[in-house]
Amino acid sequence: MSQSDCFDTYPPMAGTRSSHESVNEVRNQILSKIECVCGCVIPDSSDYAPYLARFIADQDWFDFFEVMENEEDSMDTWDYFGDIFQCPDCHNLILFTADYSRRCDFQPLDKEKCANITISYLGDKWKGILRGHYYGSNSRLEYKHDKGELYWQTNQENGYLEDISLEDLRKEYYKKFEELRSLGILRSAFLRIDGHDEHSWGEA
């Protein structure tokens, strides 16, 4: 893997380790929109993202476990981790240091071989999620009034249906629920109608 670019794009933060609040504030500002060098915009707006991984420096490894063993503030443990994003288009790696003072970009020598290196070690066996929403006429989101959407994410397949009727939403939700559960690749699911759960399963 060759390094194509590594540059300080954000002002360094004062102190050897900034507070979790200040780091988190900077992180949120930066990650609201991440643009790869190829022009692809990478979102950071969902959990279980297949293009996101985290890393910890070997010099911090034992300190991290000491914090965990002492049952100190769990929020502080996040300060040890930097983020790695992989562009879904060109497979470029974008690294942010733990304090978010630096962004470094790396381009793999073999793009196809290095695709999807940020997914779970379980590969296709990783258990994903299923989410169904229906927004009635009283929803605060006026542009979604009387419309439904269905989203599922696994390492075997992803899908998204939008602007569907309540009847179709229910039909597709339960169909996909049984399919993913039977394959053993579903960790949680819910079907939310007007803000109320009609169905929930697993960790949802």
N, C-alpha and C. Protein backbone atom coordinates (compact mmCIF):
# COMPACT_ATOMS: atom_id res chain seq x y z
N MET A 1 0.86 -1.20 0.00
CA MET A 1 0.00 0.00 0.00
C MET A 1 0.89 1.24 0.00
N SER A 2 0.62 2.16 -0.86
CA SER A 2 1.42 3.37 -0.94
C SER A 2 0.64 4.55 -0.42
N GLN A 3 1.34 5.44 0.24
CA GLN A 3 0.67 6.63 0.78
C GLN A 3 0.60 7.68 -0.30
N SER A 4 -0.62 8.14 -0.59
CA SER A 4 -0.79 9.13 -1.65
C SER A 4 -0.86 10.54 -1.09
N ASP A 5 -1.31 10.65 0.16
CA ASP A 5 -1.48 11.99 0.70
C ASP A 5 -1.60 11.92 2.21
N CYS A 6 -0.94 12.77 2.91
CA CYS A 6 -1.07 12.86 4.36
C CYS A 6 -0.86 14.30 4.72
N PHE A 7 -1.89 14.93 5.29
CA PHE A 7 -1.80 16.36 5.50
C PHE A 7 -2.59 16.79 6.72
N ASP A 8 -2.13 17.87 7.34
CA ASP A 8 -2.83 18.45 8.48
C ASP A 8 -3.92 19.36 7.94
N THR A 9 -5.17 18.94 8.06
CA THR A 9 -6.27 19.75 7.55
C THR A 9 -7.04 20.43 8.66
N TYR A 10 -6.75 20.10 9.90
CA TYR A 10 -7.50 20.64 11.02
C TYR A 10 -6.52 21.15 12.06
N PRO A 11 -6.87 22.23 12.77
CA PRO A 11 -5.95 22.78 13.76
C PRO A 11 -5.70 21.79 14.88
N PRO A 12 -4.42 21.62 15.31
CA PRO A 12 -4.13 20.71 16.41
C PRO A 12 -4.83 21.17 17.68
N MET A 13 -5.24 20.20 18.50
CA MET A 13 -5.97 20.50 19.72
C MET A 13 -5.00 20.62 20.87
N ALA A 14 -5.26 21.56 21.77
CA ALA A 14 -4.35 21.85 22.87
C ALA A 14 -4.27 20.67 23.83
N GLY A 15 -3.07 20.47 24.44
CA GLY A 15 -2.92 19.43 25.44
C GLY A 15 -2.53 18.09 24.84
N THR A 16 -2.04 17.18 25.69
CA THR A 16 -1.63 15.88 25.21
C THR A 16 -2.82 15.02 24.86
N ARG A 17 -3.95 15.19 25.58
CA ARG A 17 -5.19 14.49 25.25
C ARG A 17 -6.35 15.38 25.60
N SER A 18 -7.10 15.80 24.61
CA SER A 18 -8.21 16.72 24.84
C SER A 18 -9.38 15.98 25.45
N SER A 19 -10.32 16.74 26.01
CA SER A 19 -11.49 16.14 26.61
C SER A 19 -12.31 15.42 25.56
N HIS A 20 -13.09 14.43 26.01
CA HIS A 20 -13.93 13.68 25.07
C HIS A 20 -14.90 14.61 24.36
N GLU A 21 -15.42 15.61 25.08
CA GLU A 21 -16.40 16.51 24.49
C GLU A 21 -15.80 17.30 23.35
N SER A 22 -14.58 17.82 23.52
CA SER A 22 -13.98 18.64 22.47
C SER A 22 -13.61 17.79 21.26
N VAL A 23 -13.10 16.58 21.50
CA VAL A 23 -12.76 15.69 20.40
C VAL A 23 -14.03 15.30 19.65
N ASN A 24 -15.08 15.00 20.38
CA ASN A 24 -16.33 14.59 19.74
C ASN A 24 -16.92 15.72 18.92
N GLU A 25 -16.79 16.95 19.40
CA GLU A 25 -17.31 18.10 18.66
C GLU A 25 -16.58 18.27 17.34
N VAL A 26 -15.25 18.15 17.39
CA VAL A 26 -14.46 18.27 16.16
C VAL A 26 -14.79 17.12 15.21
N ARG A 27 -14.92 15.92 15.78
CA ARG A 27 -15.23 14.75 14.96
C ARG A 27 -16.55 14.94 14.21
N ASN A 28 -17.56 15.42 14.91
CA ASN A 28 -18.87 15.60 14.29
C ASN A 28 -18.82 16.63 13.17
N GLN A 29 -18.02 17.67 13.36
CA GLN A 29 -17.90 18.69 12.33
C GLN A 29 -17.23 18.14 11.09
N ILE A 30 -16.18 17.34 11.30
CA ILE A 30 -15.42 16.80 10.17
C ILE A 30 -16.18 15.73 9.43
N LEU A 31 -16.82 14.83 10.20
CA LEU A 31 -17.41 13.64 9.60
C LEU A 31 -18.81 13.85 9.07
N SER A 32 -19.35 15.06 9.18
CA SER A 32 -20.67 15.29 8.60
C SER A 32 -20.63 15.12 7.09
N LYS A 33 -19.46 15.30 6.52
CA LYS A 33 -19.29 15.13 5.07
C LYS A 33 -17.82 14.85 4.78
N ILE A 34 -17.54 13.62 4.38
CA ILE A 34 -16.17 13.22 4.06
C ILE A 34 -16.06 13.03 2.56
N GLU A 35 -15.19 13.77 1.94
CA GLU A 35 -15.01 13.63 0.50
C GLU A 35 -13.68 12.96 0.20
N CYS A 36 -13.75 11.87 -0.55
CA CYS A 36 -12.55 11.16 -0.97
C CYS A 36 -11.84 11.96 -2.06
N VAL A 37 -10.57 11.64 -2.28
CA VAL A 37 -9.80 12.33 -3.32
C VAL A 37 -10.38 12.05 -4.71
N CYS A 38 -11.16 10.96 -4.84
CA CYS A 38 -11.77 10.65 -6.14
C CYS A 38 -13.07 11.41 -6.35
N GLY A 39 -13.54 12.12 -5.31
CA GLY A 39 -14.77 12.90 -5.42
C GLY A 39 -15.97 12.26 -4.77
N CYS A 40 -15.86 11.01 -4.38
CA CYS A 40 -16.98 10.31 -3.73
C CYS A 40 -17.20 10.88 -2.33
N VAL A 41 -18.45 11.15 -1.99
CA VAL A 41 -18.80 11.64 -0.66
C VAL A 41 -19.21 10.45 0.20
N ILE A 42 -18.53 10.28 1.32
CA ILE A 42 -18.76 9.15 2.22
C ILE A 42 -19.56 9.63 3.42
N PRO A 43 -20.74 9.09 3.66
CA PRO A 43 -21.56 9.54 4.80
C PRO A 43 -21.08 8.92 6.10
N ASP A 44 -21.38 9.58 7.21
CA ASP A 44 -21.12 9.01 8.53
C ASP A 44 -22.37 9.23 9.36
N SER A 45 -23.47 8.66 8.90
CA SER A 45 -24.75 8.96 9.53
C SER A 45 -25.50 7.72 9.99
N SER A 46 -24.83 6.57 10.01
CA SER A 46 -25.53 5.37 10.42
C SER A 46 -24.61 4.46 11.22
N ASP A 47 -25.21 3.57 12.00
CA ASP A 47 -24.45 2.57 12.73
C ASP A 47 -24.14 1.39 11.82
N TYR A 48 -23.18 0.59 12.24
CA TYR A 48 -22.80 -0.62 11.52
C TYR A 48 -22.32 -0.34 10.09
N ALA A 49 -21.68 0.79 9.88
CA ALA A 49 -21.23 1.15 8.54
C ALA A 49 -20.14 0.18 8.07
N PRO A 50 -20.29 -0.43 6.89
CA PRO A 50 -19.30 -1.38 6.40
C PRO A 50 -18.00 -0.72 5.92
N TYR A 51 -18.02 0.57 5.75
CA TYR A 51 -16.85 1.29 5.24
C TYR A 51 -16.09 2.00 6.36
N LEU A 52 -16.40 1.70 7.62
CA LEU A 52 -15.78 2.37 8.76
C LEU A 52 -15.18 1.35 9.71
N ALA A 53 -13.93 1.58 10.10
CA ALA A 53 -13.27 0.78 11.13
C ALA A 53 -12.52 1.74 12.06
N ARG A 54 -12.03 1.20 13.17
CA ARG A 54 -11.31 2.04 14.13
C ARG A 54 -9.98 1.39 14.48
N PHE A 55 -9.01 2.21 14.83
CA PHE A 55 -7.69 1.68 15.16
C PHE A 55 -7.17 2.34 16.43
N ILE A 56 -6.26 1.63 17.08
CA ILE A 56 -5.64 2.13 18.30
C ILE A 56 -4.15 1.92 18.19
N ALA A 57 -3.37 2.90 18.64
CA ALA A 57 -1.92 2.81 18.58
C ALA A 57 -1.41 1.75 19.55
N ASP A 58 -0.38 1.03 19.15
CA ASP A 58 0.20 0.01 20.02
C ASP A 58 0.71 0.64 21.32
N GLN A 59 1.16 1.89 21.26
CA GLN A 59 1.65 2.57 22.46
C GLN A 59 0.53 2.85 23.45
N ASP A 60 -0.73 2.84 22.97
CA ASP A 60 -1.88 3.09 23.84
C ASP A 60 -2.60 1.80 24.27
N TRP A 61 -2.15 0.66 23.73
CA TRP A 61 -2.88 -0.59 23.90
C TRP A 61 -3.08 -0.97 25.38
N PHE A 62 -2.00 -0.97 26.15
CA PHE A 62 -2.09 -1.38 27.55
C PHE A 62 -2.77 -0.32 28.40
N ASP A 63 -2.58 0.96 28.05
CA ASP A 63 -3.28 2.03 28.77
C ASP A 63 -4.78 1.91 28.58
N PHE A 64 -5.18 1.55 27.38
CA PHE A 64 -6.60 1.37 27.09
C PHE A 64 -7.22 0.28 27.97
N PHE A 65 -6.54 -0.85 28.07
CA PHE A 65 -7.07 -1.94 28.89
C PHE A 65 -7.03 -1.61 30.38
N GLU A 66 -6.07 -0.79 30.78
CA GLU A 66 -6.02 -0.36 32.18
C GLU A 66 -7.24 0.49 32.52
N VAL A 67 -7.62 1.37 31.60
CA VAL A 67 -8.82 2.17 31.80
C VAL A 67 -10.05 1.27 31.88
N MET A 68 -10.13 0.29 31.00
CA MET A 68 -11.26 -0.62 31.00
C MET A 68 -11.33 -1.44 32.29
N GLU A 69 -10.19 -1.93 32.75
CA GLU A 69 -10.16 -2.76 33.95
C GLU A 69 -10.51 -1.97 35.20
N ASN A 70 -10.16 -0.69 35.20
CA ASN A 70 -10.44 0.14 36.37
C ASN A 70 -11.86 0.70 36.36
N GLU A 71 -12.60 0.34 35.31
CA GLU A 71 -13.99 0.77 35.17
C GLU A 71 -14.11 2.29 35.27
N GLU A 72 -13.19 2.97 34.62
CA GLU A 72 -13.28 4.43 34.56
C GLU A 72 -14.32 4.82 33.52
N ASP A 73 -14.51 6.11 33.36
CA ASP A 73 -15.52 6.61 32.43
C ASP A 73 -15.34 5.96 31.06
N SER A 74 -16.35 5.20 30.63
CA SER A 74 -16.24 4.49 29.36
C SER A 74 -16.14 5.44 28.18
N MET A 75 -16.65 6.67 28.33
CA MET A 75 -16.56 7.63 27.24
C MET A 75 -15.12 7.99 26.94
N ASP A 76 -14.26 7.93 27.97
CA ASP A 76 -12.86 8.28 27.77
C ASP A 76 -12.13 7.28 26.88
N THR A 77 -12.62 6.05 26.83
CA THR A 77 -11.94 5.04 26.02
C THR A 77 -12.00 5.38 24.53
N TRP A 78 -13.00 6.12 24.11
CA TRP A 78 -13.10 6.49 22.70
C TRP A 78 -11.96 7.40 22.28
N ASP A 79 -11.35 8.11 23.24
CA ASP A 79 -10.27 9.01 22.91
C ASP A 79 -9.03 8.29 22.39
N TYR A 80 -8.97 6.99 22.60
CA TYR A 80 -7.82 6.21 22.15
C TYR A 80 -7.92 5.81 20.68
N PHE A 81 -9.09 5.93 20.10
CA PHE A 81 -9.33 5.38 18.77
C PHE A 81 -9.36 6.43 17.67
N GLY A 82 -8.69 6.12 16.58
CA GLY A 82 -8.84 6.89 15.36
C GLY A 82 -9.81 6.16 14.44
N ASP A 83 -10.25 6.83 13.39
CA ASP A 83 -11.22 6.26 12.46
C ASP A 83 -10.58 6.00 11.11
N ILE A 84 -11.00 4.91 10.47
CA ILE A 84 -10.56 4.57 9.13
C ILE A 84 -11.80 4.42 8.25
N PHE A 85 -11.88 5.19 7.21
CA PHE A 85 -12.96 5.08 6.24
C PHE A 85 -12.38 4.52 4.93
N GLN A 86 -13.15 3.66 4.29
CA GLN A 86 -12.74 3.17 2.97
C GLN A 86 -13.74 3.62 1.92
N CYS A 87 -13.24 4.29 0.92
CA CYS A 87 -14.11 4.76 -0.15
C CYS A 87 -14.71 3.57 -0.89
N PRO A 88 -16.03 3.54 -1.07
CA PRO A 88 -16.67 2.42 -1.77
C PRO A 88 -16.40 2.43 -3.28
N ASP A 89 -15.92 3.55 -3.79
CA ASP A 89 -15.67 3.65 -5.23
C ASP A 89 -14.24 3.27 -5.61
N CYS A 90 -13.26 3.96 -5.01
CA CYS A 90 -11.87 3.72 -5.40
C CYS A 90 -11.09 2.91 -4.37
N HIS A 91 -11.72 2.61 -3.22
CA HIS A 91 -11.12 1.81 -2.13
C HIS A 91 -9.97 2.53 -1.43
N ASN A 92 -9.89 3.83 -1.64
CA ASN A 92 -8.92 4.64 -0.91
C ASN A 92 -9.23 4.56 0.59
N LEU A 93 -8.18 4.57 1.42
CA LEU A 93 -8.34 4.58 2.87
C LEU A 93 -8.11 5.99 3.40
N ILE A 94 -9.03 6.45 4.23
CA ILE A 94 -8.94 7.77 4.84
C ILE A 94 -8.84 7.59 6.34
N LEU A 95 -7.72 7.99 6.91
CA LEU A 95 -7.48 7.82 8.34
C LEU A 95 -7.54 9.16 9.05
N PHE A 96 -8.22 9.17 10.19
CA PHE A 96 -8.24 10.33 11.07
C PHE A 96 -7.59 9.93 12.38
N THR A 97 -6.62 10.73 12.82
CA THR A 97 -5.95 10.42 14.08
C THR A 97 -6.93 10.54 15.25
N ALA A 98 -6.54 9.99 16.40
CA ALA A 98 -7.44 9.92 17.54
C ALA A 98 -7.94 11.29 17.97
N ASP A 99 -7.10 12.31 17.87
CA ASP A 99 -7.54 13.65 18.28
C ASP A 99 -8.12 14.46 17.11
N TYR A 100 -8.20 13.83 15.95
CA TYR A 100 -8.77 14.46 14.76
C TYR A 100 -8.03 15.71 14.30
N SER A 101 -6.74 15.76 14.60
CA SER A 101 -5.94 16.89 14.13
C SER A 101 -5.35 16.62 12.75
N ARG A 102 -5.37 15.34 12.32
CA ARG A 102 -4.77 15.01 11.03
C ARG A 102 -5.65 14.02 10.27
N ARG A 103 -5.66 14.19 8.97
CA ARG A 103 -6.28 13.25 8.03
C ARG A 103 -5.19 12.75 7.09
N CYS A 104 -5.13 11.44 6.89
CA CYS A 104 -4.16 10.85 5.99
C CYS A 104 -4.88 9.93 5.01
N ASP A 105 -4.53 10.05 3.73
CA ASP A 105 -5.14 9.24 2.69
C ASP A 105 -4.13 8.24 2.13
N PHE A 106 -4.58 7.01 1.93
CA PHE A 106 -3.73 5.96 1.38
C PHE A 106 -4.47 5.29 0.22
N GLN A 107 -3.74 5.00 -0.83
CA GLN A 107 -4.32 4.29 -1.97
C GLN A 107 -3.68 2.91 -2.08
N PRO A 108 -4.49 1.85 -2.11
CA PRO A 108 -3.93 0.49 -2.19
C PRO A 108 -3.29 0.23 -3.54
N LEU A 109 -2.26 -0.61 -3.54
CA LEU A 109 -1.61 -0.98 -4.80
C LEU A 109 -2.51 -1.88 -5.63
N ASP A 110 -3.26 -2.75 -4.96
CA ASP A 110 -4.21 -3.63 -5.63
C ASP A 110 -5.60 -3.29 -5.10
N LYS A 111 -6.35 -2.49 -5.85
CA LYS A 111 -7.63 -1.98 -5.36
C LYS A 111 -8.65 -3.09 -5.13
N GLU A 112 -8.73 -4.06 -6.04
CA GLU A 112 -9.72 -5.11 -5.90
C GLU A 112 -9.41 -6.01 -4.72
N LYS A 113 -8.15 -6.33 -4.53
CA LYS A 113 -7.75 -7.20 -3.43
C LYS A 113 -7.98 -6.53 -2.08
N CYS A 114 -7.92 -5.21 -2.05
CA CYS A 114 -8.05 -4.47 -0.80
C CYS A 114 -9.46 -3.92 -0.56
N ALA A 115 -10.42 -4.33 -1.38
CA ALA A 115 -11.80 -3.87 -1.19
C ALA A 115 -12.39 -4.47 0.08
N ASN A 116 -13.24 -3.70 0.74
CA ASN A 116 -14.00 -4.18 1.90
C ASN A 116 -13.14 -4.65 3.06
N ILE A 117 -12.01 -4.02 3.29
CA ILE A 117 -11.16 -4.45 4.40
C ILE A 117 -11.65 -3.90 5.74
N THR A 118 -12.66 -3.02 5.71
CA THR A 118 -13.18 -2.45 6.96
C THR A 118 -14.43 -3.18 7.47
N ILE A 119 -14.83 -4.26 6.80
CA ILE A 119 -16.01 -4.98 7.28
C ILE A 119 -15.62 -5.91 8.43
N SER A 120 -16.62 -6.48 9.08
CA SER A 120 -16.42 -7.38 10.21
C SER A 120 -15.55 -8.58 9.83
N TYR A 121 -14.81 -9.10 10.81
CA TYR A 121 -14.00 -10.30 10.58
C TYR A 121 -14.88 -11.52 10.27
N LEU A 122 -16.18 -11.41 10.59
CA LEU A 122 -17.11 -12.51 10.32
C LEU A 122 -17.48 -12.60 8.85
N GLY A 123 -17.16 -11.56 8.08
CA GLY A 123 -17.46 -11.58 6.67
C GLY A 123 -18.95 -11.68 6.40
N ASP A 124 -19.34 -12.62 5.54
CA ASP A 124 -20.75 -12.78 5.16
C ASP A 124 -21.62 -13.27 6.32
N LYS A 125 -20.99 -13.78 7.37
CA LYS A 125 -21.75 -14.30 8.50
C LYS A 125 -22.12 -13.21 9.52
N TRP A 126 -21.63 -11.99 9.28
CA TRP A 126 -21.96 -10.88 10.19
C TRP A 126 -23.46 -10.65 10.20
N LYS A 127 -24.01 -10.45 11.40
CA LYS A 127 -25.45 -10.25 11.54
C LYS A 127 -25.79 -8.77 11.38
N GLY A 128 -26.69 -8.51 10.46
CA GLY A 128 -27.05 -7.14 10.12
C GLY A 128 -28.37 -6.69 10.71
N ILE A 129 -28.94 -5.66 10.10
CA ILE A 129 -30.13 -5.00 10.66
C ILE A 129 -31.21 -4.86 9.59
N LEU A 130 -32.45 -4.70 10.08
CA LEU A 130 -33.61 -4.46 9.22
C LEU A 130 -34.45 -3.38 9.88
N ARG A 131 -34.79 -2.34 9.13
CA ARG A 131 -35.53 -1.21 9.69
C ARG A 131 -36.67 -0.82 8.75
N GLY A 132 -37.89 -0.74 9.31
CA GLY A 132 -39.04 -0.28 8.54
C GLY A 132 -39.69 0.91 9.22
N HIS A 133 -40.02 1.92 8.45
CA HIS A 133 -40.65 3.14 8.97
C HIS A 133 -41.85 3.50 8.10
N TYR A 134 -42.91 3.92 8.77
CA TYR A 134 -44.03 4.50 8.04
C TYR A 134 -44.40 5.82 8.69
N TYR A 135 -44.54 6.86 7.86
CA TYR A 135 -44.81 8.21 8.35
C TYR A 135 -46.23 8.60 7.96
N GLY A 136 -47.07 8.76 8.95
CA GLY A 136 -48.46 9.13 8.70
C GLY A 136 -48.62 10.60 8.36
N SER A 137 -49.87 11.04 8.26
CA SER A 137 -50.16 12.42 7.87
C SER A 137 -49.79 13.42 8.96
N ASN A 138 -49.56 12.95 10.17
CA ASN A 138 -49.20 13.85 11.27
C ASN A 138 -47.69 13.91 11.52
N SER A 139 -46.94 13.26 10.69
CA SER A 139 -45.49 13.25 10.87
C SER A 139 -44.91 14.65 10.70
N ARG A 140 -43.87 14.93 11.46
CA ARG A 140 -43.18 16.22 11.34
C ARG A 140 -42.46 16.34 10.01
N LEU A 141 -42.18 15.20 9.39
CA LEU A 141 -41.52 15.20 8.08
C LEU A 141 -42.59 15.24 7.00
N GLU A 142 -42.99 16.44 6.62
CA GLU A 142 -44.11 16.60 5.70
C GLU A 142 -43.87 15.92 4.36
N TYR A 143 -42.64 15.91 3.89
CA TYR A 143 -42.36 15.33 2.58
C TYR A 143 -42.48 13.81 2.60
N LYS A 144 -42.63 13.22 3.80
CA LYS A 144 -42.77 11.77 3.91
C LYS A 144 -44.18 11.36 4.33
N HIS A 145 -45.11 12.29 4.36
CA HIS A 145 -46.47 11.97 4.79
C HIS A 145 -47.05 10.80 4.00
N ASP A 146 -47.60 9.84 4.74
CA ASP A 146 -48.26 8.66 4.15
C ASP A 146 -47.33 7.89 3.23
N LYS A 147 -46.07 7.81 3.63
CA LYS A 147 -45.08 7.06 2.86
C LYS A 147 -44.27 6.17 3.80
N GLY A 148 -43.83 5.06 3.26
CA GLY A 148 -43.02 4.13 4.04
C GLY A 148 -41.67 3.90 3.39
N GLU A 149 -40.73 3.41 4.20
CA GLU A 149 -39.41 3.08 3.69
C GLU A 149 -38.88 1.86 4.44
N LEU A 150 -38.12 1.06 3.76
CA LEU A 150 -37.56 -0.16 4.32
C LEU A 150 -36.08 -0.23 3.98
N TYR A 151 -35.27 -0.53 5.00
CA TYR A 151 -33.82 -0.56 4.81
C TYR A 151 -33.26 -1.79 5.51
N TRP A 152 -32.38 -2.50 4.83
CA TRP A 152 -31.68 -3.60 5.47
C TRP A 152 -30.23 -3.60 5.05
N GLN A 153 -29.39 -4.07 5.95
CA GLN A 153 -27.95 -4.06 5.71
C GLN A 153 -27.32 -5.31 6.30
N THR A 154 -26.71 -6.11 5.46
CA THR A 154 -25.90 -7.24 5.87
C THR A 154 -24.66 -7.24 4.99
N ASN A 155 -23.73 -8.12 5.24
CA ASN A 155 -22.56 -8.23 4.37
C ASN A 155 -22.81 -9.12 3.17
N GLN A 156 -24.03 -9.68 3.09
CA GLN A 156 -24.41 -10.43 1.90
C GLN A 156 -25.22 -9.59 0.94
N GLU A 157 -26.03 -8.68 1.47
CA GLU A 157 -26.82 -7.80 0.61
C GLU A 157 -27.32 -6.61 1.41
N ASN A 158 -27.51 -5.52 0.71
CA ASN A 158 -28.13 -4.32 1.26
C ASN A 158 -29.33 -3.95 0.38
N GLY A 159 -30.30 -3.27 0.96
CA GLY A 159 -31.44 -2.85 0.16
C GLY A 159 -32.17 -1.68 0.78
N TYR A 160 -32.85 -0.95 -0.07
CA TYR A 160 -33.61 0.21 0.39
C TYR A 160 -34.81 0.42 -0.51
N LEU A 161 -36.00 0.46 0.10
CA LEU A 161 -37.23 0.76 -0.60
C LEU A 161 -37.81 2.03 0.00
N GLU A 162 -38.29 2.92 -0.82
CA GLU A 162 -38.84 4.17 -0.32
C GLU A 162 -40.14 4.51 -1.03
N ASP A 163 -40.89 5.41 -0.38
CA ASP A 163 -42.17 5.89 -0.93
C ASP A 163 -43.12 4.73 -1.22
N ILE A 164 -43.20 3.78 -0.30
CA ILE A 164 -44.11 2.64 -0.49
C ILE A 164 -45.29 2.76 0.47
N SER A 165 -46.38 2.10 0.11
CA SER A 165 -47.59 2.17 0.93
C SER A 165 -47.42 1.36 2.21
N LEU A 166 -48.31 1.58 3.16
CA LEU A 166 -48.25 0.85 4.41
C LEU A 166 -48.42 -0.65 4.18
N GLU A 167 -49.33 -0.99 3.29
CA GLU A 167 -49.56 -2.40 2.97
C GLU A 167 -48.31 -3.05 2.40
N ASP A 168 -47.68 -2.36 1.45
CA ASP A 168 -46.47 -2.91 0.84
C ASP A 168 -45.31 -2.95 1.84
N LEU A 169 -45.26 -1.96 2.72
CA LEU A 169 -44.20 -1.93 3.72
C LEU A 169 -44.30 -3.15 4.63
N ARG A 170 -45.49 -3.41 5.12
CA ARG A 170 -45.69 -4.57 6.00
C ARG A 170 -45.32 -5.87 5.27
N LYS A 171 -45.79 -5.98 4.04
CA LYS A 171 -45.54 -7.19 3.26
C LYS A 171 -44.05 -7.41 3.06
N GLU A 172 -43.34 -6.38 2.64
CA GLU A 172 -41.92 -6.51 2.35
C GLU A 172 -41.10 -6.68 3.63
N TYR A 173 -41.52 -6.00 4.70
CA TYR A 173 -40.79 -6.11 5.97
C TYR A 173 -40.80 -7.54 6.49
N TYR A 174 -41.98 -8.13 6.62
CA TYR A 174 -42.07 -9.47 7.17
C TYR A 174 -41.44 -10.52 6.26
N LYS A 175 -41.51 -10.29 4.97
CA LYS A 175 -40.86 -11.19 4.02
C LYS A 175 -39.34 -11.15 4.21
N LYS A 176 -38.78 -9.95 4.28
CA LYS A 176 -37.33 -9.81 4.44
C LYS A 176 -36.90 -10.26 5.83
N PHE A 177 -37.73 -10.03 6.82
CA PHE A 177 -37.41 -10.45 8.19
C PHE A 177 -37.23 -11.97 8.25
N GLU A 178 -38.18 -12.70 7.70
CA GLU A 178 -38.09 -14.17 7.72
C GLU A 178 -36.90 -14.66 6.91
N GLU A 179 -36.63 -13.99 5.81
CA GLU A 179 -35.51 -14.39 4.95
C GLU A 179 -34.18 -14.23 5.67
N LEU A 180 -33.94 -13.05 6.24
CA LEU A 180 -32.66 -12.79 6.89
C LEU A 180 -32.50 -13.60 8.17
N ARG A 181 -33.59 -13.77 8.90
CA ARG A 181 -33.51 -14.54 10.14
C ARG A 181 -33.21 -16.02 9.84
N SER A 182 -33.84 -16.55 8.82
CA SER A 182 -33.61 -17.95 8.46
C SER A 182 -32.17 -18.20 8.02
N LEU A 183 -31.53 -17.16 7.46
CA LEU A 183 -30.13 -17.27 7.04
C LEU A 183 -29.16 -17.08 8.21
N GLY A 184 -29.69 -16.66 9.36
CA GLY A 184 -28.85 -16.44 10.53
C GLY A 184 -27.97 -15.22 10.44
N ILE A 185 -28.42 -14.21 9.67
CA ILE A 185 -27.60 -13.02 9.48
C ILE A 185 -28.35 -11.75 9.90
N LEU A 186 -29.23 -11.89 10.89
CA LEU A 186 -30.00 -10.75 11.38
C LEU A 186 -29.80 -10.61 12.88
N ARG A 187 -29.38 -9.41 13.32
CA ARG A 187 -29.20 -9.17 14.74
C ARG A 187 -30.38 -8.44 15.36
N SER A 188 -31.03 -7.58 14.58
CA SER A 188 -32.15 -6.83 15.12
C SER A 188 -33.03 -6.31 13.99
N ALA A 189 -34.30 -6.09 14.33
CA ALA A 189 -35.25 -5.59 13.34
C ALA A 189 -36.39 -4.87 14.05
N PHE A 190 -36.93 -3.87 13.39
CA PHE A 190 -38.16 -3.27 13.89
C PHE A 190 -38.96 -2.67 12.74
N LEU A 191 -40.28 -2.66 12.95
CA LEU A 191 -41.21 -2.01 12.03
C LEU A 191 -41.93 -0.94 12.83
N ARG A 192 -41.68 0.32 12.48
CA ARG A 192 -42.18 1.46 13.25
C ARG A 192 -43.24 2.20 12.44
N ILE A 193 -44.46 2.24 12.98
CA ILE A 193 -45.58 2.89 12.32
C ILE A 193 -45.97 4.14 13.12
N ASP A 194 -45.82 5.30 12.49
CA ASP A 194 -46.15 6.57 13.17
C ASP A 194 -45.47 6.69 14.52
N GLY A 195 -44.24 6.26 14.61
CA GLY A 195 -43.47 6.39 15.84
C GLY A 195 -43.67 5.29 16.85
N HIS A 196 -44.50 4.33 16.56
CA HIS A 196 -44.77 3.22 17.48
C HIS A 196 -44.34 1.91 16.84
N ASP A 197 -43.70 1.07 17.63
CA ASP A 197 -43.21 -0.19 17.11
C ASP A 197 -44.35 -1.20 16.97
N GLU A 198 -44.62 -1.60 15.74
CA GLU A 198 -45.58 -2.67 15.50
C GLU A 198 -44.91 -4.03 15.70
N HIS A 199 -43.60 -4.06 15.41
CA HIS A 199 -42.85 -5.30 15.56
C HIS A 199 -41.41 -4.96 15.89
N SER A 200 -40.83 -5.68 16.80
CA SER A 200 -39.39 -5.52 17.09
C SER A 200 -38.82 -6.88 17.47
N TRP A 201 -37.57 -7.06 17.16
CA TRP A 201 -36.92 -8.35 17.38
C TRP A 201 -35.43 -8.14 17.62
N GLY A 202 -34.86 -8.92 18.51
CA GLY A 202 -33.42 -8.84 18.75
C GLY A 202 -33.04 -7.63 19.56
N GLU A 203 -31.97 -6.96 19.14
CA GLU A 203 -31.41 -5.85 19.89
C GLU A 203 -32.08 -4.54 19.59
N ALA A 204 -33.07 -4.50 18.71
CA ALA A 204 -33.70 -3.23 18.30
C ALA A 204 -34.41 -2.57 19.46
